[in-house]
Amino acid sequence: MKRIMVMGVSAGVGKSTFAKRLGKELGIKAYHLDTMFWKPGWIQASLEEFSGAQNEVVKKEQWIIDGNYSSTVNLRAAYADAIIYLELPLGVCLFRVVKRWLINFGKTREDMTVGCEEKLDWAFIKFICTTYYPRKHSAEERLEKLQKLGPRKTIIILKSKREMETFLKQLQFERKQATYL
C-alpha cells in the first residue's frame, strides 16, 4: 500500500485522524481533501482548483488522501492501490462532530485550511443525518465501481473503533517483524 484513499460513511467517522495515524505508521504523508477544497473564510475552491491540487498529489509515488468529495473521487481512485473505508454508527459520527466543534471552537484544526475556524451549524448536522444511511447502503456498490478504476486495489472496510485500532496495530506489528528479518 503506497497510494491510499481513506473514505468514510460520514463526517465524524474519523477519516483525518485515521489517515494521520496511518501515515505515521507507514511513513507516508497524509493529505486532507478539506485543505484542498476550502479556502480561508470557508470559501469553496472551484472544481478546477480542487482537481488541480489533487492531481499534484496523486501522481506522487506515495500518498494517503482522506476525504469523500464525490466530485473528484474517480480522480483519486484511478491512481490508488488501496481504499480504506470507515463506517461507524451515526450516533458516534454525530458525537464526534459536536466534540470536535467544542474542542476546536475558535480555532482551525490542523487538517483544515488556515482561516477556516471550526464551525457547526444545523445544515451540517442535517447533511450528516440525511446522507448517512443512503451512503451506508450504497457503500459496497461504490467501492466496487472504484475498484474498476486504475490499478487493482486492496479494499479494507473497518466498521468499529476496535477494527480501526486492530488494523493499525497489525501494521505496526508487521513493520516491526520486517525490521527483524
N, C-alpha and C. Protein backbone atom coordinates (compact mmCIF):
# COMPACT_ATOMS: atom_id res chain seq x y z
N MET A 1 0.85 -1.18 0.00
CA MET A 1 0.00 0.00 0.00
C MET A 1 0.89 1.24 0.00
N LYS A 2 0.81 1.96 -1.10
CA LYS A 2 1.61 3.18 -1.21
C LYS A 2 0.77 4.39 -1.60
N ARG A 3 -0.38 4.14 -2.20
CA ARG A 3 -1.31 5.21 -2.59
C ARG A 3 -2.67 4.84 -2.03
N ILE A 4 -3.01 5.50 -0.94
CA ILE A 4 -4.15 5.05 -0.14
C ILE A 4 -5.22 6.13 -0.02
N MET A 5 -6.45 5.76 -0.34
CA MET A 5 -7.60 6.62 -0.11
C MET A 5 -8.24 6.21 1.21
N VAL A 6 -8.54 7.16 2.06
CA VAL A 6 -9.30 6.90 3.29
C VAL A 6 -10.63 7.61 3.12
N MET A 7 -11.68 6.81 3.04
CA MET A 7 -13.03 7.33 2.85
C MET A 7 -13.88 6.91 4.05
N GLY A 8 -15.07 7.46 4.12
CA GLY A 8 -15.94 7.07 5.21
C GLY A 8 -17.39 7.36 4.92
N VAL A 9 -18.23 6.79 5.76
CA VAL A 9 -19.66 6.92 5.59
C VAL A 9 -20.14 8.34 5.87
N SER A 10 -19.39 9.09 6.69
CA SER A 10 -19.90 10.38 7.14
C SER A 10 -18.79 11.25 7.70
N ALA A 11 -19.11 12.52 7.85
CA ALA A 11 -18.25 13.39 8.66
C ALA A 11 -18.25 12.81 10.07
N GLY A 12 -17.15 12.95 10.77
CA GLY A 12 -17.07 12.48 12.14
C GLY A 12 -16.70 11.01 12.29
N VAL A 13 -16.54 10.31 11.19
CA VAL A 13 -16.20 8.89 11.26
C VAL A 13 -14.73 8.69 11.63
N GLY A 14 -13.91 9.71 11.43
CA GLY A 14 -12.51 9.62 11.81
C GLY A 14 -11.53 9.50 10.67
N LYS A 15 -11.92 9.93 9.49
CA LYS A 15 -11.05 9.81 8.30
C LYS A 15 -9.72 10.51 8.48
N SER A 16 -9.74 11.77 8.89
CA SER A 16 -8.50 12.54 9.02
C SER A 16 -7.60 12.00 10.11
N THR A 17 -8.17 11.68 11.25
CA THR A 17 -7.39 11.14 12.36
C THR A 17 -6.78 9.80 11.96
N PHE A 18 -7.57 8.95 11.34
CA PHE A 18 -7.07 7.65 10.90
C PHE A 18 -5.96 7.82 9.86
N ALA A 19 -6.16 8.73 8.90
CA ALA A 19 -5.15 8.96 7.86
C ALA A 19 -3.84 9.44 8.46
N LYS A 20 -3.91 10.32 9.44
CA LYS A 20 -2.68 10.81 10.10
C LYS A 20 -1.96 9.67 10.80
N ARG A 21 -2.71 8.85 11.51
CA ARG A 21 -2.10 7.72 12.23
C ARG A 21 -1.53 6.70 11.25
N LEU A 22 -2.25 6.44 10.18
CA LEU A 22 -1.79 5.51 9.16
C LEU A 22 -0.52 6.03 8.50
N GLY A 23 -0.51 7.31 8.20
CA GLY A 23 0.66 7.93 7.60
C GLY A 23 1.88 7.83 8.50
N LYS A 24 1.68 8.05 9.77
CA LYS A 24 2.79 7.95 10.73
C LYS A 24 3.30 6.51 10.76
N GLU A 25 2.39 5.57 10.75
CA GLU A 25 2.76 4.16 10.83
C GLU A 25 3.51 3.70 9.58
N LEU A 26 3.07 4.15 8.41
CA LEU A 26 3.68 3.71 7.15
C LEU A 26 4.80 4.63 6.66
N GLY A 27 4.93 5.78 7.29
CA GLY A 27 5.93 6.74 6.82
C GLY A 27 5.53 7.39 5.51
N ILE A 28 4.23 7.59 5.33
CA ILE A 28 3.69 8.18 4.11
C ILE A 28 2.93 9.45 4.50
N LYS A 29 3.14 10.51 3.76
CA LYS A 29 2.46 11.78 4.04
C LYS A 29 0.96 11.67 3.81
N ALA A 30 0.19 12.18 4.76
CA ALA A 30 -1.27 12.23 4.65
C ALA A 30 -1.70 13.61 4.16
N TYR A 31 -2.57 13.62 3.17
CA TYR A 31 -3.14 14.85 2.62
C TYR A 31 -4.63 14.85 2.94
N HIS A 32 -5.14 16.01 3.30
CA HIS A 32 -6.54 16.14 3.69
C HIS A 32 -7.29 16.93 2.61
N LEU A 33 -8.32 16.33 2.05
CA LEU A 33 -9.08 16.99 0.99
C LEU A 33 -9.69 18.31 1.46
N ASP A 34 -10.04 18.39 2.72
CA ASP A 34 -10.61 19.64 3.24
C ASP A 34 -9.66 20.81 3.01
N THR A 35 -8.35 20.58 3.11
CA THR A 35 -7.40 21.68 2.92
C THR A 35 -7.28 22.08 1.45
N MET A 36 -7.68 21.18 0.55
CA MET A 36 -7.65 21.49 -0.88
C MET A 36 -8.96 22.13 -1.34
N PHE A 37 -10.06 21.78 -0.67
CA PHE A 37 -11.38 22.25 -1.08
C PHE A 37 -11.72 23.62 -0.51
N TRP A 38 -11.34 23.85 0.73
CA TRP A 38 -11.72 25.10 1.40
C TRP A 38 -10.59 26.11 1.37
N LYS A 39 -10.96 27.33 0.99
CA LYS A 39 -10.04 28.47 1.07
C LYS A 39 -10.36 29.20 2.37
N PRO A 40 -9.46 30.08 2.83
CA PRO A 40 -9.73 30.82 4.06
C PRO A 40 -11.12 31.48 4.04
N GLY A 41 -11.78 31.44 5.20
CA GLY A 41 -13.11 32.02 5.31
C GLY A 41 -14.21 31.09 4.80
N TRP A 42 -13.91 29.81 4.67
CA TRP A 42 -14.87 28.81 4.22
C TRP A 42 -15.37 29.08 2.80
N ILE A 43 -14.49 29.52 1.94
CA ILE A 43 -14.81 29.73 0.53
C ILE A 43 -14.40 28.47 -0.23
N GLN A 44 -15.33 27.95 -1.03
CA GLN A 44 -15.06 26.73 -1.78
C GLN A 44 -14.14 27.00 -2.96
N ALA A 45 -13.20 26.09 -3.17
CA ALA A 45 -12.35 26.15 -4.36
C ALA A 45 -13.21 25.76 -5.57
N SER A 46 -12.83 26.23 -6.72
CA SER A 46 -13.52 25.79 -7.93
C SER A 46 -13.16 24.33 -8.17
N LEU A 47 -13.96 23.65 -8.97
CA LEU A 47 -13.68 22.26 -9.30
C LEU A 47 -12.31 22.14 -9.98
N GLU A 48 -11.97 23.13 -10.80
CA GLU A 48 -10.67 23.13 -11.47
C GLU A 48 -9.53 23.24 -10.46
N GLU A 49 -9.66 24.15 -9.49
CA GLU A 49 -8.63 24.30 -8.46
C GLU A 49 -8.51 23.04 -7.60
N PHE A 50 -9.67 22.52 -7.20
CA PHE A 50 -9.73 21.34 -6.35
C PHE A 50 -9.11 20.13 -7.05
N SER A 51 -9.48 19.92 -8.30
CA SER A 51 -8.93 18.81 -9.09
C SER A 51 -7.43 19.00 -9.31
N GLY A 52 -7.03 20.22 -9.61
CA GLY A 52 -5.62 20.50 -9.84
C GLY A 52 -4.76 20.19 -8.63
N ALA A 53 -5.24 20.56 -7.45
CA ALA A 53 -4.49 20.29 -6.23
C ALA A 53 -4.34 18.78 -6.02
N GLN A 54 -5.39 18.03 -6.32
CA GLN A 54 -5.32 16.58 -6.16
C GLN A 54 -4.42 15.94 -7.22
N ASN A 55 -4.46 16.47 -8.43
CA ASN A 55 -3.61 15.94 -9.50
C ASN A 55 -2.14 16.01 -9.12
N GLU A 56 -1.75 17.06 -8.43
CA GLU A 56 -0.35 17.19 -8.00
C GLU A 56 0.02 16.08 -7.01
N VAL A 57 -0.92 15.69 -6.18
CA VAL A 57 -0.65 14.68 -5.15
C VAL A 57 -0.70 13.26 -5.73
N VAL A 58 -1.74 12.95 -6.50
CA VAL A 58 -1.94 11.56 -6.93
C VAL A 58 -0.84 11.03 -7.83
N LYS A 59 -0.08 11.90 -8.43
CA LYS A 59 1.00 11.45 -9.31
C LYS A 59 2.28 11.14 -8.54
N LYS A 60 2.28 11.41 -7.24
CA LYS A 60 3.45 11.11 -6.41
C LYS A 60 3.54 9.59 -6.19
N GLU A 61 4.72 9.16 -5.79
CA GLU A 61 4.97 7.73 -5.54
C GLU A 61 4.12 7.19 -4.38
N GLN A 62 3.97 8.00 -3.33
CA GLN A 62 3.25 7.57 -2.14
C GLN A 62 2.36 8.69 -1.64
N TRP A 63 1.19 8.32 -1.15
CA TRP A 63 0.30 9.28 -0.53
C TRP A 63 -0.82 8.58 0.20
N ILE A 64 -1.36 9.30 1.15
CA ILE A 64 -2.62 8.94 1.79
C ILE A 64 -3.49 10.18 1.65
N ILE A 65 -4.67 10.01 1.10
CA ILE A 65 -5.60 11.13 0.94
C ILE A 65 -6.89 10.77 1.66
N ASP A 66 -7.29 11.63 2.60
CA ASP A 66 -8.54 11.35 3.30
C ASP A 66 -9.62 12.34 2.88
N GLY A 67 -10.82 11.82 2.79
CA GLY A 67 -11.99 12.61 2.46
C GLY A 67 -12.86 11.89 1.44
N ASN A 68 -14.08 12.35 1.33
CA ASN A 68 -15.02 11.73 0.40
C ASN A 68 -15.09 12.49 -0.92
N TYR A 69 -15.67 13.67 -0.91
CA TYR A 69 -15.76 14.54 -2.08
C TYR A 69 -15.99 13.75 -3.38
N SER A 70 -17.23 13.37 -3.58
CA SER A 70 -17.58 12.51 -4.72
C SER A 70 -17.29 13.16 -6.07
N SER A 71 -17.20 14.48 -6.12
CA SER A 71 -16.95 15.15 -7.41
C SER A 71 -15.59 14.80 -8.00
N THR A 72 -14.66 14.36 -7.16
CA THR A 72 -13.32 14.03 -7.65
C THR A 72 -12.85 12.65 -7.20
N VAL A 73 -13.74 11.83 -6.71
CA VAL A 73 -13.33 10.52 -6.18
C VAL A 73 -12.71 9.65 -7.27
N ASN A 74 -13.19 9.73 -8.50
CA ASN A 74 -12.62 8.91 -9.58
C ASN A 74 -11.19 9.30 -9.89
N LEU A 75 -10.87 10.56 -9.75
CA LEU A 75 -9.51 11.04 -9.98
C LEU A 75 -8.55 10.33 -9.02
N ARG A 76 -8.90 10.27 -7.75
CA ARG A 76 -8.05 9.61 -6.76
C ARG A 76 -8.03 8.10 -6.97
N ALA A 77 -9.18 7.53 -7.24
CA ALA A 77 -9.28 6.08 -7.39
C ALA A 77 -8.47 5.57 -8.58
N ALA A 78 -8.33 6.38 -9.60
CA ALA A 78 -7.57 5.96 -10.78
C ALA A 78 -6.11 5.69 -10.45
N TYR A 79 -5.60 6.28 -9.39
CA TYR A 79 -4.19 6.12 -9.00
C TYR A 79 -4.01 5.25 -7.75
N ALA A 80 -5.05 5.10 -6.96
CA ALA A 80 -4.94 4.42 -5.66
C ALA A 80 -4.66 2.93 -5.82
N ASP A 81 -3.90 2.40 -4.88
CA ASP A 81 -3.74 0.95 -4.82
C ASP A 81 -4.47 0.36 -3.61
N ALA A 82 -5.01 1.24 -2.76
CA ALA A 82 -5.78 0.78 -1.60
C ALA A 82 -6.85 1.81 -1.26
N ILE A 83 -7.99 1.30 -0.83
CA ILE A 83 -9.07 2.16 -0.33
C ILE A 83 -9.45 1.61 1.04
N ILE A 84 -9.38 2.47 2.03
CA ILE A 84 -9.83 2.10 3.37
C ILE A 84 -11.12 2.86 3.63
N TYR A 85 -12.17 2.11 3.89
CA TYR A 85 -13.49 2.69 4.10
C TYR A 85 -13.87 2.52 5.57
N LEU A 86 -14.19 3.63 6.23
CA LEU A 86 -14.56 3.63 7.64
C LEU A 86 -16.06 3.80 7.79
N GLU A 87 -16.66 2.97 8.63
CA GLU A 87 -18.10 3.05 8.83
C GLU A 87 -18.43 2.80 10.30
N LEU A 88 -18.62 3.87 11.03
CA LEU A 88 -19.04 3.79 12.42
C LEU A 88 -20.50 4.20 12.51
N PRO A 89 -21.18 3.88 13.63
CA PRO A 89 -22.59 4.24 13.78
C PRO A 89 -22.83 5.76 13.68
N LEU A 90 -24.02 6.12 13.22
CA LEU A 90 -24.40 7.52 13.07
C LEU A 90 -24.23 8.29 14.37
N GLY A 91 -24.64 7.71 15.48
CA GLY A 91 -24.53 8.39 16.77
C GLY A 91 -23.08 8.73 17.11
N VAL A 92 -22.17 7.84 16.79
CA VAL A 92 -20.74 8.08 17.05
C VAL A 92 -20.26 9.24 16.18
N CYS A 93 -20.66 9.23 14.91
CA CYS A 93 -20.25 10.31 13.99
C CYS A 93 -20.76 11.66 14.48
N LEU A 94 -22.02 11.72 14.86
CA LEU A 94 -22.60 12.98 15.35
C LEU A 94 -21.91 13.43 16.64
N PHE A 95 -21.68 12.50 17.55
CA PHE A 95 -20.99 12.83 18.80
C PHE A 95 -19.61 13.41 18.50
N ARG A 96 -18.89 12.79 17.58
CA ARG A 96 -17.53 13.25 17.26
C ARG A 96 -17.53 14.63 16.61
N VAL A 97 -18.52 14.91 15.78
CA VAL A 97 -18.61 16.22 15.13
C VAL A 97 -18.85 17.31 16.19
N VAL A 98 -19.74 17.03 17.12
CA VAL A 98 -20.01 18.00 18.18
C VAL A 98 -18.79 18.15 19.08
N LYS A 99 -18.16 17.04 19.44
CA LYS A 99 -16.95 17.08 20.27
C LYS A 99 -15.85 17.87 19.58
N ARG A 100 -15.66 17.61 18.29
CA ARG A 100 -14.63 18.32 17.52
C ARG A 100 -14.89 19.83 17.55
N TRP A 101 -16.15 20.21 17.41
CA TRP A 101 -16.52 21.63 17.43
C TRP A 101 -16.22 22.24 18.80
N LEU A 102 -16.56 21.54 19.86
CA LEU A 102 -16.32 22.05 21.21
C LEU A 102 -14.82 22.18 21.50
N ILE A 103 -14.06 21.18 21.12
CA ILE A 103 -12.62 21.19 21.38
C ILE A 103 -11.91 22.27 20.56
N ASN A 104 -12.37 22.47 19.34
CA ASN A 104 -11.68 23.39 18.42
C ASN A 104 -12.38 24.72 18.23
N PHE A 105 -13.34 25.03 19.08
CA PHE A 105 -14.10 26.27 18.96
C PHE A 105 -13.15 27.47 18.87
N GLY A 106 -13.32 28.26 17.81
CA GLY A 106 -12.50 29.46 17.64
C GLY A 106 -11.11 29.19 17.09
N LYS A 107 -10.83 27.92 16.76
CA LYS A 107 -9.52 27.55 16.23
C LYS A 107 -9.69 26.84 14.89
N THR A 108 -8.58 26.71 14.19
CA THR A 108 -8.56 25.95 12.94
C THR A 108 -7.83 24.64 13.20
N ARG A 109 -8.47 23.53 12.86
CA ARG A 109 -7.83 22.21 13.02
C ARG A 109 -6.65 22.09 12.07
N GLU A 110 -5.71 21.23 12.40
CA GLU A 110 -4.53 21.04 11.54
C GLU A 110 -4.88 20.37 10.22
N ASP A 111 -6.02 19.70 10.14
CA ASP A 111 -6.42 19.06 8.89
C ASP A 111 -7.41 19.92 8.09
N MET A 112 -7.40 21.22 8.39
CA MET A 112 -8.29 22.17 7.72
C MET A 112 -7.46 23.36 7.25
N THR A 113 -7.95 24.07 6.27
CA THR A 113 -7.27 25.25 5.74
C THR A 113 -7.18 26.34 6.80
N VAL A 114 -6.03 26.98 6.89
CA VAL A 114 -5.86 28.11 7.80
C VAL A 114 -6.90 29.16 7.41
N GLY A 115 -7.56 29.72 8.41
CA GLY A 115 -8.60 30.72 8.14
C GLY A 115 -9.99 30.12 8.11
N CYS A 116 -10.10 28.81 8.37
CA CYS A 116 -11.39 28.14 8.46
C CYS A 116 -11.55 27.66 9.91
N GLU A 117 -12.00 28.59 10.75
CA GLU A 117 -12.21 28.23 12.15
C GLU A 117 -13.32 27.20 12.25
N GLU A 118 -13.18 26.31 13.21
CA GLU A 118 -14.16 25.23 13.40
C GLU A 118 -15.56 25.83 13.55
N LYS A 119 -16.50 25.21 12.84
CA LYS A 119 -17.88 25.68 12.95
C LYS A 119 -18.82 24.49 12.91
N LEU A 120 -20.01 24.71 13.37
CA LEU A 120 -21.05 23.68 13.36
C LEU A 120 -22.38 24.39 13.24
N ASP A 121 -23.18 23.94 12.29
CA ASP A 121 -24.50 24.53 12.13
C ASP A 121 -25.51 23.44 11.82
N TRP A 122 -26.77 23.84 11.87
CA TRP A 122 -27.85 22.88 11.65
C TRP A 122 -27.77 22.26 10.25
N ALA A 123 -27.39 23.00 9.25
CA ALA A 123 -27.30 22.47 7.89
C ALA A 123 -26.31 21.30 7.83
N PHE A 124 -25.19 21.41 8.54
CA PHE A 124 -24.19 20.33 8.53
C PHE A 124 -24.72 19.10 9.27
N ILE A 125 -25.37 19.30 10.41
CA ILE A 125 -25.97 18.18 11.16
C ILE A 125 -27.02 17.50 10.29
N LYS A 126 -27.85 18.29 9.63
CA LYS A 126 -28.88 17.74 8.76
C LYS A 126 -28.25 16.96 7.60
N PHE A 127 -27.17 17.50 7.03
CA PHE A 127 -26.46 16.81 5.94
C PHE A 127 -25.98 15.44 6.42
N ILE A 128 -25.38 15.38 7.58
CA ILE A 128 -24.89 14.11 8.12
C ILE A 128 -26.04 13.13 8.29
N CYS A 129 -27.13 13.59 8.90
CA CYS A 129 -28.27 12.71 9.18
C CYS A 129 -28.97 12.23 7.91
N THR A 130 -29.06 13.08 6.90
CA THR A 130 -29.80 12.69 5.69
C THR A 130 -28.95 11.90 4.70
N THR A 131 -27.64 11.97 4.81
CA THR A 131 -26.79 11.23 3.87
C THR A 131 -26.23 9.93 4.46
N TYR A 132 -26.26 9.80 5.77
CA TYR A 132 -25.61 8.65 6.42
C TYR A 132 -26.15 7.31 5.90
N TYR A 133 -27.45 7.08 6.00
CA TYR A 133 -27.98 5.76 5.62
C TYR A 133 -27.93 5.49 4.12
N PRO A 134 -28.23 6.47 3.27
CA PRO A 134 -28.04 6.20 1.83
C PRO A 134 -26.59 5.84 1.50
N ARG A 135 -25.63 6.54 2.10
CA ARG A 135 -24.22 6.22 1.86
C ARG A 135 -23.87 4.83 2.39
N LYS A 136 -24.38 4.52 3.57
CA LYS A 136 -24.10 3.22 4.17
C LYS A 136 -24.63 2.10 3.27
N HIS A 137 -25.84 2.27 2.76
CA HIS A 137 -26.44 1.22 1.93
C HIS A 137 -25.80 1.08 0.55
N SER A 138 -25.18 2.15 0.07
CA SER A 138 -24.57 2.09 -1.27
C SER A 138 -23.06 1.91 -1.23
N ALA A 139 -22.49 1.76 -0.04
CA ALA A 139 -21.03 1.70 0.11
C ALA A 139 -20.40 0.57 -0.71
N GLU A 140 -20.95 -0.61 -0.63
CA GLU A 140 -20.36 -1.75 -1.34
C GLU A 140 -20.35 -1.52 -2.85
N GLU A 141 -21.46 -1.01 -3.36
CA GLU A 141 -21.55 -0.72 -4.80
C GLU A 141 -20.55 0.36 -5.22
N ARG A 142 -20.42 1.41 -4.41
CA ARG A 142 -19.46 2.47 -4.71
C ARG A 142 -18.04 1.95 -4.72
N LEU A 143 -17.71 1.12 -3.74
CA LEU A 143 -16.35 0.56 -3.67
C LEU A 143 -16.06 -0.35 -4.86
N GLU A 144 -17.06 -1.11 -5.29
CA GLU A 144 -16.89 -1.96 -6.48
C GLU A 144 -16.60 -1.12 -7.72
N LYS A 145 -17.31 -0.01 -7.87
CA LYS A 145 -17.07 0.87 -9.02
C LYS A 145 -15.67 1.47 -8.97
N LEU A 146 -15.25 1.88 -7.78
CA LEU A 146 -13.91 2.47 -7.64
C LEU A 146 -12.82 1.43 -7.91
N GLN A 147 -13.11 0.19 -7.56
CA GLN A 147 -12.15 -0.90 -7.78
C GLN A 147 -11.79 -1.03 -9.27
N LYS A 148 -12.72 -0.69 -10.13
CA LYS A 148 -12.53 -0.84 -11.57
C LYS A 148 -11.70 0.28 -12.20
N LEU A 149 -11.42 1.31 -11.44
CA LEU A 149 -10.64 2.44 -11.95
C LEU A 149 -9.17 2.26 -11.63
N GLY A 150 -8.33 2.30 -12.63
CA GLY A 150 -6.89 2.22 -12.41
C GLY A 150 -6.45 0.84 -11.95
N PRO A 151 -5.36 0.81 -11.18
CA PRO A 151 -4.80 -0.49 -10.76
C PRO A 151 -5.73 -1.22 -9.79
N ARG A 152 -5.54 -2.53 -9.71
CA ARG A 152 -6.30 -3.34 -8.74
C ARG A 152 -6.04 -2.79 -7.34
N LYS A 153 -7.10 -2.67 -6.57
CA LYS A 153 -6.99 -2.05 -5.26
C LYS A 153 -7.27 -3.04 -4.14
N THR A 154 -6.57 -2.85 -3.05
CA THR A 154 -6.93 -3.55 -1.82
C THR A 154 -8.04 -2.72 -1.19
N ILE A 155 -9.16 -3.36 -0.90
CA ILE A 155 -10.28 -2.67 -0.26
C ILE A 155 -10.36 -3.18 1.18
N ILE A 156 -10.32 -2.24 2.11
CA ILE A 156 -10.39 -2.59 3.53
C ILE A 156 -11.56 -1.82 4.12
N ILE A 157 -12.47 -2.56 4.75
CA ILE A 157 -13.64 -1.94 5.37
C ILE A 157 -13.52 -2.15 6.88
N LEU A 158 -13.52 -1.04 7.60
CA LEU A 158 -13.41 -1.08 9.06
C LEU A 158 -14.67 -0.47 9.65
N LYS A 159 -15.38 -1.27 10.48
CA LYS A 159 -16.70 -0.85 10.95
C LYS A 159 -16.80 -0.60 12.45
N SER A 160 -15.67 -0.49 13.11
CA SER A 160 -15.71 -0.15 14.54
C SER A 160 -14.38 0.47 14.95
N LYS A 161 -14.40 1.14 16.09
CA LYS A 161 -13.16 1.72 16.61
C LYS A 161 -12.16 0.59 16.88
N ARG A 162 -12.66 -0.53 17.34
CA ARG A 162 -11.79 -1.68 17.63
C ARG A 162 -11.13 -2.18 16.34
N GLU A 163 -11.89 -2.30 15.26
CA GLU A 163 -11.31 -2.75 13.99
C GLU A 163 -10.26 -1.77 13.48
N MET A 164 -10.51 -0.48 13.66
CA MET A 164 -9.55 0.53 13.24
C MET A 164 -8.25 0.39 14.04
N GLU A 165 -8.36 0.25 15.34
CA GLU A 165 -7.19 0.10 16.20
C GLU A 165 -6.44 -1.19 15.88
N THR A 166 -7.17 -2.27 15.70
CA THR A 166 -6.55 -3.56 15.38
C THR A 166 -5.78 -3.48 14.08
N PHE A 167 -6.37 -2.83 13.08
CA PHE A 167 -5.70 -2.68 11.79
C PHE A 167 -4.38 -1.92 11.96
N LEU A 168 -4.40 -0.81 12.67
CA LEU A 168 -3.18 -0.02 12.86
C LEU A 168 -2.13 -0.79 13.67
N LYS A 169 -2.57 -1.53 14.69
CA LYS A 169 -1.64 -2.32 15.49
C LYS A 169 -1.04 -3.46 14.66
N GLN A 170 -1.84 -4.04 13.78
CA GLN A 170 -1.33 -5.10 12.90
C GLN A 170 -0.26 -4.55 11.96
N LEU A 171 -0.49 -3.37 11.41
CA LEU A 171 0.53 -2.74 10.57
C LEU A 171 1.82 -2.50 11.36
N GLN A 172 1.66 -2.02 12.56
CA GLN A 172 2.82 -1.76 13.42
C GLN A 172 3.58 -3.06 13.68
N PHE A 173 2.85 -4.12 13.97
CA PHE A 173 3.46 -5.42 14.22
C PHE A 173 4.21 -5.91 12.97
N GLU A 174 3.57 -5.80 11.82
CA GLU A 174 4.18 -6.26 10.56
C GLU A 174 5.44 -5.46 10.25
N ARG A 175 5.42 -4.17 10.51
CA ARG A 175 6.62 -3.34 10.25
C ARG A 175 7.75 -3.72 11.20
N LYS A 176 7.41 -4.01 12.46
CA LYS A 176 8.45 -4.44 13.40
C LYS A 176 9.03 -5.78 12.99
N GLN A 177 8.17 -6.69 12.55
CA GLN A 177 8.64 -8.01 12.11
C GLN A 177 9.58 -7.86 10.91
N ALA A 178 9.24 -6.97 10.01
CA ALA A 178 10.05 -6.76 8.79
C ALA A 178 11.44 -6.23 9.14
N THR A 179 11.54 -5.45 10.20
CA THR A 179 12.86 -4.91 10.60
C THR A 179 13.76 -5.98 11.18
N TYR A 180 13.17 -7.05 11.70
CA TYR A 180 13.95 -8.13 12.29
C TYR A 180 14.45 -9.13 11.24
N LEU A 181 13.89 -9.08 10.06
CA LEU A 181 14.29 -10.04 9.01
C LEU A 181 15.53 -9.63 8.29
